[in-house]
Amino acid sequence: MKTRKKLLIAAISTALFSGNAAASGDEFQRLEDKITALETMLMSLKAELAEKDQAEQKAEKMQAAQAQKAAQEMAEAKAAEAEAKSAAPQSTYKFGGFVKTTASFSAYSDGDLAAGSVGRDFYIPGTTPVGGEGEGTDFDFHAKETRFNLKTTHKLANGDDIGTFIELDFLLAPSGNERVSNSYQPRIRHAFITYNDWLFGQTWSTFQDVGALPESADFLAASDGIVFERQAMVRYSKGPWSLALENPETTLTPFGGGGRIVSDDNGAPDFVAKYTHKAGWGHLAVAGLFRYLELDNVGDDTSEAAYGLSLTGKYKLGNRDDIRFNVASGAGMGRYVALNTANAAVVTDNGSLDTIDSTAVAVAYRHHWSDQWRSNFILSRIDIDNDADYTGGGVTKSSQSAQINLLYSPAPKLTLGMGYLHGKREIESGTDGELNRLIFSAKYAF
């Protein structure tokens, strides 16, 4: 009504000021009708605006609800995807290895090694010639140490871990020569599966400490005085402890001496237990080996228990220098030490087995001259207690070597090396022979 009165007063005022002071009743009626029409129109407009406003508010609420639902569904979908992803197996694959070329000049004091002998590819103590005539220097050049490997890791839906590792190189190949193509067959080094704390397959013996092996320009440093063995096994590791059942193989010296007997008659695996203590200063490992040596004779089988103990480790000096050491001693260790320089036992005159005692020692000091230059000074030795009445005088009594290496890394993972090796082997008869070898190598790891 207030609006109506305002409109009526406005209309009357307009009529009066326009000179129509004596407006008739009809004119007032027409003005009132117009005001009524305007009010009706205004009321209709208000209703329409109110209805439109309600519709817009409803639409906005619906859109907000839909957006909230969509956001919730997206969050639920992402959570489900993350959960499914975490539950699904997760795998990684890594290809690695290195390319290495080695050249060497070898001079022997008492004989020579035949072409194709593995002792010309790297230092094997038992191959040093004794009792012969000195010959000229042999030069050898090869890339057989080149190796490649594939490592996989898999995290299963139940949280278990599975891994595999396969590695090949070209040393000790059964065929190949240097005449035309220098072709050499690959050989298996490692092939194993890991499942949580278990290992199944071929890798380093549990009796060996890889972390205590010295670095060298040669394939293997200090081979006189270290445990070095790869073979198939089942190993369980938990914390510092490792227990393993490993492939057995008995190597024997025949009665009176002669060619090595590889019996392959073992009826039980070799057992190894090792404890490793790690600390900021390095690590220390103690390992024990127990095995049965066996030989099947015609109508008579013979066996003998054998054992070995080792103490190995690495001690850090400052930020980069270190001392690495290996000590192993026992009865019947045989092929586990010094690359089988000594056999595990000798066949006696009555056909039984008599274990051969041996003690191997190696120590190496690594010094960094700078970020790119470093040297290794290495001493190693094995002493073998043979019963010459059974073995004869031709078996190795002792072997020792000294090495010095200078290694240069001009770029990450690239190493250029030069080394000098002096080795000496003595047999039970007292005859000995020496080896002097100058080694050059180039290696790039990937």
Foldseek 3Di string as FASTA:
>chain_A
DVQLVVQLVVVQVVCVVVPNPVDDPVVSVVSSVVSVVVVVVVVVVVVVVVVVVVVVVVVVVVVVVVVVVVVVVVVVVVVVVVLVVLLAKDKDKDKWWKWKKKKKKKWKAADDDDAPDLCVQFNFFLPRDWHHHTDHIDMDIDGQATKMKMKMWMQHSVRKIKIWMWMKTFGPAPDAHDPPDRDGDIDTAWTWMDIRQKIWTKYWDPQFDPVQFDDALHPGPQQAFGFTDIFTWIWGDDAQKIKIFTADWFWEAEFQGDDIDTASPDDGTKIKMKGKDQDPQWIKMKMKIKGKHWHDDVVDIEIDIWMKIKIWIWGDDPDDKIKTKIKMWIWQPQCRGSNRLDGQWYQAPVRYTDTKIKMKIKMKIKDAPDPFKIKIWIKIKMAIHDPCNTHPFAGWGMKIKIKMKMWGDPDPQKIWIKMWMKMKIATNVGIIMIMIMIMIMIMGID
